[in-house]
């Protein structure tokens, strides 16, 4: 079986085809493949010997809401500033 791609070479690609109104997903990052597995109709899916999805490629079929997460420190600082105001 294949092993995980070296960290410095890992990538996640989301492409949108405007004519087909379809999102396409490709990734060799196991962490994100696990999160996206139920939203992607897989055309290619490869596993390593521990059962991790090391490659996932296909069409995004579910509804996706992509938000930029703020880290806990930023939220704590903002909350403190609000409390002091």
PDB file of N, CA and C in Angstrom:
ATOM      1  N   UNK A   1       0.834  -1.198   0.000  1.00  0.00           N
ATOM      2  CA  UNK A   1       0.000   0.000   0.000  1.00  0.00           C
ATOM      3  C   UNK A   1       0.875   1.256   0.000  1.00  0.00           C
ATOM      4  N   UNK A   2       0.297   2.332  -0.470  1.00  0.00           N
ATOM      5  CA  UNK A   2       1.010   3.606  -0.486  1.00  0.00           C
ATOM      6  C   UNK A   2       1.109   4.174   0.914  1.00  0.00           C
ATOM      7  N   UNK A   3       2.077   5.031   1.115  1.00  0.00           N
ATOM      8  CA  UNK A   3       2.187   5.749   2.379  1.00  0.00           C
ATOM      9  C   UNK A   3       1.752   7.189   2.157  1.00  0.00           C
ATOM     10  N   UNK A   4       1.637   7.926   3.217  1.00  0.00           N
ATOM     11  CA  UNK A   4       1.207   9.314   3.131  1.00  0.00           C
ATOM     12  C   UNK A   4       2.256  10.156   2.400  1.00  0.00           C
ATOM     13  N   UNK A   5       1.794  11.114   1.616  1.00  0.00           N
ATOM     14  CA  UNK A   5       2.672  12.050   0.918  1.00  0.00           C
ATOM     15  C   UNK A   5       3.417  12.880   1.957  1.00  0.00           C
ATOM     16  N   UNK A   6       4.706  13.181   1.725  1.00  0.00           N
ATOM     17  CA  UNK A   6       5.435  14.030   2.679  1.00  0.00           C
ATOM     18  C   UNK A   6       4.684  15.343   2.925  1.00  0.00           C
ATOM     19  N   UNK A   7       4.715  15.800   4.160  1.00  0.00           N
ATOM     20  CA  UNK A   7       3.940  16.975   4.587  1.00  0.00           C
ATOM     21  C   UNK A   7       4.163  18.199   3.685  1.00  0.00           C
ATOM     22  N   UNK A   8       5.396  18.463   3.291  1.00  0.00           N
ATOM     23  CA  UNK A   8       5.686  19.649   2.483  1.00  0.00           C
ATOM     24  C   UNK A   8       5.147  19.532   1.056  1.00  0.00           C
ATOM     25  N   UNK A   9       4.701  18.335   0.649  1.00  0.00           N
ATOM     26  CA  UNK A   9       4.163  18.142  -0.695  1.00  0.00           C
ATOM     27  C   UNK A   9       2.651  17.914  -0.705  1.00  0.00           C
ATOM     28  N   UNK A  10       2.019  17.890   0.462  1.00  0.00           N
ATOM     29  CA  UNK A  10       0.579  17.645   0.529  1.00  0.00           C
ATOM     30  C   UNK A  10      -0.191  18.850  -0.004  1.00  0.00           C
ATOM     31  N   UNK A  11      -1.363  18.553  -0.598  1.00  0.00           N
ATOM     32  CA  UNK A  11      -2.169  19.633  -1.151  1.00  0.00           C
ATOM     33  C   UNK A  11      -3.655  19.290  -1.114  1.00  0.00           C
ATOM     34  N   UNK A  12      -4.464  20.328  -1.044  1.00  0.00           N
ATOM     35  CA  UNK A  12      -5.911  20.219  -1.152  1.00  0.00           C
ATOM     36  C   UNK A  12      -6.325  21.192  -2.250  1.00  0.00           C
ATOM     37  N   UNK A  13      -7.075  20.690  -3.222  1.00  0.00           N
ATOM     38  CA  UNK A  13      -7.493  21.525  -4.347  1.00  0.00           C
ATOM     39  C   UNK A  13      -9.006  21.443  -4.491  1.00  0.00           C
ATOM     40  N   UNK A  14      -9.651  22.601  -4.482  1.00  0.00           N
ATOM     41  CA  UNK A  14     -11.081  22.708  -4.778  1.00  0.00           C
ATOM     42  C   UNK A  14     -11.219  23.519  -6.051  1.00  0.00           C
ATOM     43  N   UNK A  15     -11.835  22.944  -7.062  1.00  0.00           N
ATOM     44  CA  UNK A  15     -12.053  23.628  -8.336  1.00  0.00           C
ATOM     45  C   UNK A  15     -13.544  23.741  -8.599  1.00  0.00           C
ATOM     46  N   UNK A  16     -13.940  24.864  -9.169  1.00  0.00           N
ATOM     47  CA  UNK A  16     -15.343  25.067  -9.517  1.00  0.00           C
ATOM     48  C   UNK A  16     -15.477  25.178 -11.027  1.00  0.00           C
ATOM     49  N   UNK A  17     -16.343  24.348 -11.604  1.00  0.00           N
ATOM     50  CA  UNK A  17     -16.652  24.400 -13.032  1.00  0.00           C
ATOM     51  C   UNK A  17     -17.952  25.188 -13.190  1.00  0.00           C
ATOM     52  N   UNK A  18     -17.840  26.409 -13.663  1.00  0.00           N
ATOM     53  CA  UNK A  18     -18.999  27.303 -13.748  1.00  0.00           C
ATOM     54  C   UNK A  18     -20.045  26.791 -14.733  1.00  0.00           C
ATOM     55  N   UNK A  19     -19.616  26.227 -15.853  1.00  0.00           N
ATOM     56  CA  UNK A  19     -20.573  25.724 -16.839  1.00  0.00           C
ATOM     57  C   UNK A  19     -21.391  24.557 -16.298  1.00  0.00           C
ATOM     58  N   UNK A  20     -20.735  23.670 -15.559  1.00  0.00           N
ATOM     59  CA  UNK A  20     -21.421  22.503 -14.994  1.00  0.00           C
ATOM     60  C   UNK A  20     -21.981  22.787 -13.599  1.00  0.00           C
ATOM     61  N   UNK A  21     -21.607  23.950 -13.032  1.00  0.00           N
ATOM     62  CA  UNK A  21     -21.991  24.326 -11.670  1.00  0.00           C
ATOM     63  C   UNK A  21     -21.659  23.203 -10.687  1.00  0.00           C
ATOM     64  N   UNK A  22     -20.407  22.751 -10.767  1.00  0.00           N
ATOM     65  CA  UNK A  22     -19.951  21.616  -9.978  1.00  0.00           C
ATOM     66  C   UNK A  22     -18.608  21.925  -9.338  1.00  0.00           C
ATOM     67  N   UNK A  23     -18.463  21.510  -8.079  1.00  0.00           N
ATOM     68  CA  UNK A  23     -17.197  21.617  -7.367  1.00  0.00           C
ATOM     69  C   UNK A  23     -16.472  20.284  -7.451  1.00  0.00           C
ATOM     70  N   UNK A  24     -15.142  20.337  -7.644  1.00  0.00           N
ATOM     71  CA  UNK A  24     -14.300  19.146  -7.675  1.00  0.00           C
ATOM     72  C   UNK A  24     -13.273  19.233  -6.555  1.00  0.00           C
ATOM     73  N   UNK A  25     -13.028  18.103  -5.922  1.00  0.00           N
ATOM     74  CA  UNK A  25     -12.128  18.024  -4.770  1.00  0.00           C
ATOM     75  C   UNK A  25     -10.998  17.053  -5.088  1.00  0.00           C
ATOM     76  N   UNK A  26      -9.770  17.441  -4.729  1.00  0.00           N
ATOM     77  CA  UNK A  26      -8.612  16.550  -4.799  1.00  0.00           C
ATOM     78  C   UNK A  26      -7.746  16.828  -3.584  1.00  0.00           C
ATOM     79  N   UNK A  27      -7.326  15.778  -2.892  1.00  0.00           N
ATOM     80  CA  UNK A  27      -6.431  15.968  -1.759  1.00  0.00           C
ATOM     81  C   UNK A  27      -5.670  14.696  -1.441  1.00  0.00           C
ATOM     82  N   UNK A  28      -4.442  14.904  -0.977  1.00  0.00           N
ATOM     83  CA  UNK A  28      -3.650  13.789  -0.458  1.00  0.00           C
ATOM     84  C   UNK A  28      -3.285  14.053   1.009  1.00  0.00           C
ATOM     85  N   UNK A  29      -4.161  14.796   1.702  1.00  0.00           N
ATOM     86  CA  UNK A  29      -3.989  15.088   3.122  1.00  0.00           C
ATOM     87  C   UNK A  29      -5.017  14.251   3.891  1.00  0.00           C
ATOM     88  N   UNK A  30      -4.589  13.214   4.603  1.00  0.00           N
ATOM     89  CA  UNK A  30      -5.537  12.324   5.280  1.00  0.00           C
ATOM     90  C   UNK A  30      -6.512  13.032   6.213  1.00  0.00           C
ATOM     91  N   UNK A  31      -6.060  14.053   6.925  1.00  0.00           N
ATOM     92  CA  UNK A  31      -6.922  14.782   7.856  1.00  0.00           C
ATOM     93  C   UNK A  31      -8.134  15.369   7.134  1.00  0.00           C
ATOM     94  N   UNK A  32      -7.914  16.024   6.013  1.00  0.00           N
ATOM     95  CA  UNK A  32      -9.000  16.645   5.273  1.00  0.00           C
ATOM     96  C   UNK A  32      -9.809  15.625   4.479  1.00  0.00           C
ATOM     97  N   UNK A  33      -9.168  14.566   4.012  1.00  0.00           N
ATOM     98  CA  UNK A  33      -9.899  13.519   3.300  1.00  0.00           C
ATOM     99  C   UNK A  33     -10.938  12.881   4.207  1.00  0.00           C
ATOM    100  N   UNK A  34     -10.583  12.682   5.462  1.00  0.00           N
ATOM    101  CA  UNK A  34     -11.524  12.111   6.429  1.00  0.00           C
ATOM    102  C   UNK A  34     -12.720  13.051   6.613  1.00  0.00           C
ATOM    103  N   UNK A  35     -12.461  14.356   6.689  1.00  0.00           N
ATOM    104  CA  UNK A  35     -13.531  15.334   6.888  1.00  0.00           C
ATOM    105  C   UNK A  35     -14.434  15.476   5.663  1.00  0.00           C
ATOM    106  N   UNK A  36     -13.862  15.328   4.466  1.00  0.00           N
ATOM    107  CA  UNK A  36     -14.613  15.553   3.234  1.00  0.00           C
ATOM    108  C   UNK A  36     -15.201  14.274   2.647  1.00  0.00           C
ATOM    109  N   UNK A  37     -14.850  13.120   3.169  1.00  0.00           N
ATOM    110  CA  UNK A  37     -15.228  11.836   2.565  1.00  0.00           C
ATOM    111  C   UNK A  37     -16.735  11.698   2.347  1.00  0.00           C
ATOM    112  N   UNK A  38     -17.539  12.185   3.285  1.00  0.00           N
ATOM    113  CA  UNK A  38     -18.984  12.036   3.124  1.00  0.00           C
ATOM    114  C   UNK A  38     -19.591  13.098   2.203  1.00  0.00           C
ATOM    115  N   UNK A  39     -18.818  14.075   1.774  1.00  0.00           N
ATOM    116  CA  UNK A  39     -19.314  15.124   0.869  1.00  0.00           C
ATOM    117  C   UNK A  39     -18.845  14.945  -0.574  1.00  0.00           C
ATOM    118  N   UNK A  40     -17.927  13.997  -0.786  1.00  0.00           N
ATOM    119  CA  UNK A  40     -17.325  13.822  -2.108  1.00  0.00           C
ATOM    120  C   UNK A  40     -17.746  12.478  -2.690  1.00  0.00           C
ATOM    121  N   UNK A  41     -18.276  12.530  -3.921  1.00  0.00           N
ATOM    122  CA  UNK A  41     -18.545  11.300  -4.656  1.00  0.00           C
ATOM    123  C   UNK A  41     -17.218  10.902  -5.299  1.00  0.00           C
ATOM    124  N   UNK A  42     -16.577   9.907  -4.716  1.00  0.00           N
ATOM    125  CA  UNK A  42     -15.197   9.577  -5.059  1.00  0.00           C
ATOM    126  C   UNK A  42     -15.063   8.957  -6.446  1.00  0.00           C
ATOM    127  N   UNK A  43     -14.121   9.508  -7.212  1.00  0.00           N
ATOM    128  CA  UNK A  43     -13.696   8.905  -8.464  1.00  0.00           C
ATOM    129  C   UNK A  43     -12.417   8.101  -8.215  1.00  0.00           C
ATOM    130  N   UNK A  44     -11.619   8.576  -7.255  1.00  0.00           N
ATOM    131  CA  UNK A  44     -10.407   7.866  -6.803  1.00  0.00           C
ATOM    132  C   UNK A  44     -10.363   7.966  -5.291  1.00  0.00           C
ATOM    133  N   UNK A  45     -10.070   6.849  -4.653  1.00  0.00           N
ATOM    134  CA  UNK A  45      -9.950   6.818  -3.199  1.00  0.00           C
ATOM    135  C   UNK A  45      -8.912   5.749  -2.866  1.00  0.00           C
ATOM    136  N   UNK A  46      -7.827   6.170  -2.216  1.00  0.00           N
ATOM    137  CA  UNK A  46      -6.766   5.242  -1.856  1.00  0.00           C
ATOM    138  C   UNK A  46      -6.543   5.277  -0.350  1.00  0.00           C
ATOM    139  N   UNK A  47      -6.287   4.110   0.207  1.00  0.00           N
ATOM    140  CA  UNK A  47      -6.073   3.960   1.643  1.00  0.00           C
ATOM    141  C   UNK A  47      -4.651   3.488   1.915  1.00  0.00           C
ATOM    142  N   UNK A  48      -4.123   3.816   3.118  1.00  0.00           N
ATOM    143  CA  UNK A  48      -2.848   3.230   3.530  1.00  0.00           C
ATOM    144  C   UNK A  48      -3.155   1.996   4.383  1.00  0.00           C
ATOM    145  N   UNK A  49      -2.123   1.353   4.898  1.00  0.00           N
ATOM    146  CA  UNK A  49      -2.327   0.108   5.635  1.00  0.00           C
ATOM    147  C   UNK A  49      -2.990   0.302   6.997  1.00  0.00           C
ATOM    148  N   UNK A  50      -3.116   1.544   7.469  1.00  0.00           N
ATOM    149  CA  UNK A  50      -3.815   1.797   8.736  1.00  0.00           C
ATOM    150  C   UNK A  50      -5.267   2.221   8.509  1.00  0.00           C
ATOM    151  N   UNK A  51      -5.700   2.272   7.264  1.00  0.00           N
ATOM    152  CA  UNK A  51      -7.083   2.608   6.957  1.00  0.00           C
ATOM    153  C   UNK A  51      -7.355   4.074   6.702  1.00  0.00           C
ATOM    154  N   UNK A  52      -6.322   4.917   6.735  1.00  0.00           N
ATOM    155  CA  UNK A  52      -6.508   6.341   6.429  1.00  0.00           C
ATOM    156  C   UNK A  52      -6.712   6.525   4.932  1.00  0.00           C
ATOM    157  N   UNK A  53      -7.575   7.490   4.581  1.00  0.00           N
ATOM    158  CA  UNK A  53      -7.767   7.830   3.163  1.00  0.00           C
ATOM    159  C   UNK A  53      -6.616   8.756   2.782  1.00  0.00           C
ATOM    160  N   UNK A  54      -5.657   8.238   2.029  1.00  0.00           N
ATOM    161  CA  UNK A  54      -4.484   9.049   1.694  1.00  0.00           C
ATOM    162  C   UNK A  54      -4.655   9.818   0.383  1.00  0.00           C
ATOM    163  N   UNK A  55      -5.665   9.459  -0.408  1.00  0.00           N
ATOM    164  CA  UNK A  55      -5.951  10.210  -1.628  1.00  0.00           C
ATOM    165  C   UNK A  55      -7.446  10.160  -1.870  1.00  0.00           C
ATOM    166  N   UNK A  56      -8.030  11.323  -2.091  1.00  0.00           N
ATOM    167  CA  UNK A  56      -9.462  11.414  -2.379  1.00  0.00           C
ATOM    168  C   UNK A  56      -9.647  12.409  -3.511  1.00  0.00           C
ATOM    169  N   UNK A  57     -10.371  11.961  -4.534  1.00  0.00           N
ATOM    170  CA  UNK A  57     -10.630  12.811  -5.694  1.00  0.00           C
ATOM    171  C   UNK A  57     -12.042  12.537  -6.179  1.00  0.00           C
ATOM    172  N   UNK A  58     -12.790  13.608  -6.447  1.00  0.00           N
ATOM    173  CA  UNK A  58     -14.140  13.420  -6.958  1.00  0.00           C
ATOM    174  C   UNK A  58     -14.948  14.694  -6.955  1.00  0.00           C
ATOM    175  N   UNK A  59     -16.251  14.522  -7.134  1.00  0.00           N
ATOM    176  CA  UNK A  59     -17.198  15.626  -7.218  1.00  0.00           C
ATOM    177  C   UNK A  59     -17.823  15.867  -5.851  1.00  0.00           C
ATOM    178  N   UNK A  60     -17.876  17.136  -5.456  1.00  0.00           N
ATOM    179  CA  UNK A  60     -18.510  17.491  -4.190  1.00  0.00           C
ATOM    180  C   UNK A  60     -20.014  17.422  -4.403  1.00  0.00           C
ATOM    181  N   UNK A  61     -20.682  16.580  -3.600  1.00  0.00           N
ATOM    182  CA  UNK A  61     -22.116  16.365  -3.781  1.00  0.00           C
ATOM    183  C   UNK A  61     -22.946  17.020  -2.696  1.00  0.00           C
ATOM    184  N   UNK A  62     -22.385  17.233  -1.539  1.00  0.00           N
ATOM    185  CA  UNK A  62     -23.137  17.806  -0.425  1.00  0.00           C
ATOM    186  C   UNK A  62     -23.063  19.313  -0.414  1.00  0.00           C
ATOM    187  N   UNK A  63     -23.807  19.897   0.496  1.00  0.00           N
ATOM    188  CA  UNK A  63     -23.772  21.337   0.704  1.00  0.00           C
ATOM    189  C   UNK A  63     -22.555  21.674   1.555  1.00  0.00           C
ATOM    190  N   UNK A  64     -21.773  22.637   1.119  1.00  0.00           N
ATOM    191  CA  UNK A  64     -20.531  22.971   1.803  1.00  0.00           C
ATOM    192  C   UNK A  64     -20.561  24.420   2.246  1.00  0.00           C
ATOM    193  N   UNK A  65     -20.228  24.649   3.507  1.00  0.00           N
ATOM    194  CA  UNK A  65     -20.115  25.995   4.051  1.00  0.00           C
ATOM    195  C   UNK A  65     -18.687  26.140   4.552  1.00  0.00           C
ATOM    196  N   UNK A  66     -17.896  26.945   3.889  1.00  0.00           N
ATOM    197  CA  UNK A  66     -16.494  27.111   4.253  1.00  0.00           C
ATOM    198  C   UNK A  66     -16.348  28.411   5.026  1.00  0.00           C
ATOM    199  N   UNK A  67     -15.961  28.288   6.286  1.00  0.00           N
ATOM    200  CA  UNK A  67     -15.741  29.444   7.144  1.00  0.00           C
ATOM    201  C   UNK A  67     -14.287  29.484   7.564  1.00  0.00           C
ATOM    202  N   UNK A  68     -13.771  30.678   7.696  1.00  0.00           N
ATOM    203  CA  UNK A  68     -12.420  30.823   8.216  1.00  0.00           C
ATOM    204  C   UNK A  68     -12.516  30.786   9.733  1.00  0.00           C
ATOM    205  N   UNK A  69     -11.892  29.806  10.331  1.00  0.00           N
ATOM    206  CA  UNK A  69     -11.932  29.690  11.785  1.00  0.00           C
ATOM    207  C   UNK A  69     -10.944  30.652  12.411  1.00  0.00           C
ATOM    208  N   UNK A  70     -11.361  31.226  13.511  1.00  0.00           N
ATOM    209  CA  UNK A  70     -10.463  32.086  14.268  1.00  0.00           C
ATOM    210  C   UNK A  70      -9.960  31.273  15.440  1.00  0.00           C
ATOM    211  N   UNK A  71      -8.715  31.490  15.777  1.00  0.00           N
ATOM    212  CA  UNK A  71      -8.186  30.696  16.876  1.00  0.00           C
ATOM    213  C   UNK A  71      -8.678  31.217  18.218  1.00  0.00           C
ATOM    214  N   UNK A  72      -8.510  30.407  19.248  1.00  0.00           N
ATOM    215  CA  UNK A  72      -9.033  30.717  20.576  1.00  0.00           C
ATOM    216  C   UNK A  72      -8.433  31.997  21.143  1.00  0.00           C
ATOM    217  N   UNK A  73      -7.166  32.237  20.875  1.00  0.00           N
ATOM    218  CA  UNK A  73      -6.505  33.427  21.411  1.00  0.00           C
ATOM    219  C   UNK A  73      -7.142  34.693  20.846  1.00  0.00           C
ATOM    220  N   UNK A  74      -7.402  34.711  19.532  1.00  0.00           N
ATOM    221  CA  UNK A  74      -8.035  35.878  18.918  1.00  0.00           C
ATOM    222  C   UNK A  74      -9.414  36.132  19.516  1.00  0.00           C
ATOM    223  N   UNK A  75     -10.191  35.064  19.722  1.00  0.00           N
ATOM    224  CA  UNK A  75     -11.522  35.233  20.315  1.00  0.00           C
ATOM    225  C   UNK A  75     -11.434  35.733  21.743  1.00  0.00           C
ATOM    226  N   UNK A  76     -10.469  35.220  22.518  1.00  0.00           N
ATOM    227  CA  UNK A  76     -10.314  35.643  23.905  1.00  0.00           C
ATOM    228  C   UNK A  76      -9.949  37.124  23.976  1.00  0.00           C
ATOM    229  N   UNK A  77      -9.041  37.568  23.108  1.00  0.00           N
ATOM    230  CA  UNK A  77      -8.632  38.975  23.079  1.00  0.00           C
ATOM    231  C   UNK A  77      -9.828  39.846  22.703  1.00  0.00           C
ATOM    232  N   UNK A  78     -10.580  39.440  21.689  1.00  0.00           N
ATOM    233  CA  UNK A  78     -11.738  40.211  21.265  1.00  0.00           C
ATOM    234  C   UNK A  78     -12.791  40.284  22.370  1.00  0.00           C
ATOM    235  N   UNK A  79     -13.026  39.161  23.058  1.00  0.00           N
ATOM    236  CA  UNK A  79     -13.999  39.139  24.138  1.00  0.00           C
ATOM    237  C   UNK A  79     -13.559  40.060  25.275  1.00  0.00           C
ATOM    238  N   UNK A  80     -12.273  40.045  25.600  1.00  0.00           N
ATOM    239  CA  UNK A  80     -11.738  40.904  26.660  1.00  0.00           C
ATOM    240  C   UNK A  80     -11.895  42.369  26.292  1.00  0.00           C
ATOM    241  N   UNK A  81     -11.608  42.697  25.029  1.00  0.00           N
ATOM    242  CA  UNK A  81     -11.772  44.069  24.564  1.00  0.00           C
ATOM    243  C   UNK A  81     -13.230  44.504  24.652  1.00  0.00           C
ATOM    244  N   UNK A  82     -14.146  43.617  24.280  1.00  0.00           N
ATOM    245  CA  UNK A  82     -15.575  43.930  24.371  1.00  0.00           C
ATOM    246  C   UNK A  82     -16.014  44.132  25.811  1.00  0.00           C
ATOM    247  N   UNK A  83     -15.495  43.282  26.692  1.00  0.00           N
ATOM    248  CA  UNK A  83     -15.853  43.390  28.109  1.00  0.00           C
ATOM    249  C   UNK A  83     -15.342  44.688  28.742  1.00  0.00           C
ATOM    250  N   UNK A  84     -14.168  45.154  28.292  1.00  0.00           N
ATOM    251  CA  UNK A  84     -13.593  46.377  28.835  1.00  0.00           C
ATOM    252  C   UNK A  84     -14.219  47.639  28.249  1.00  0.00           C
ATOM    253  N   UNK A  85     -14.911  47.518  27.151  1.00  0.00           N
ATOM    254  CA  UNK A  85     -15.538  48.676  26.496  1.00  0.00           C
ATOM    255  C   UNK A  85     -16.797  49.102  27.177  1.00  0.00           C
TER     256      UNK A  85
END
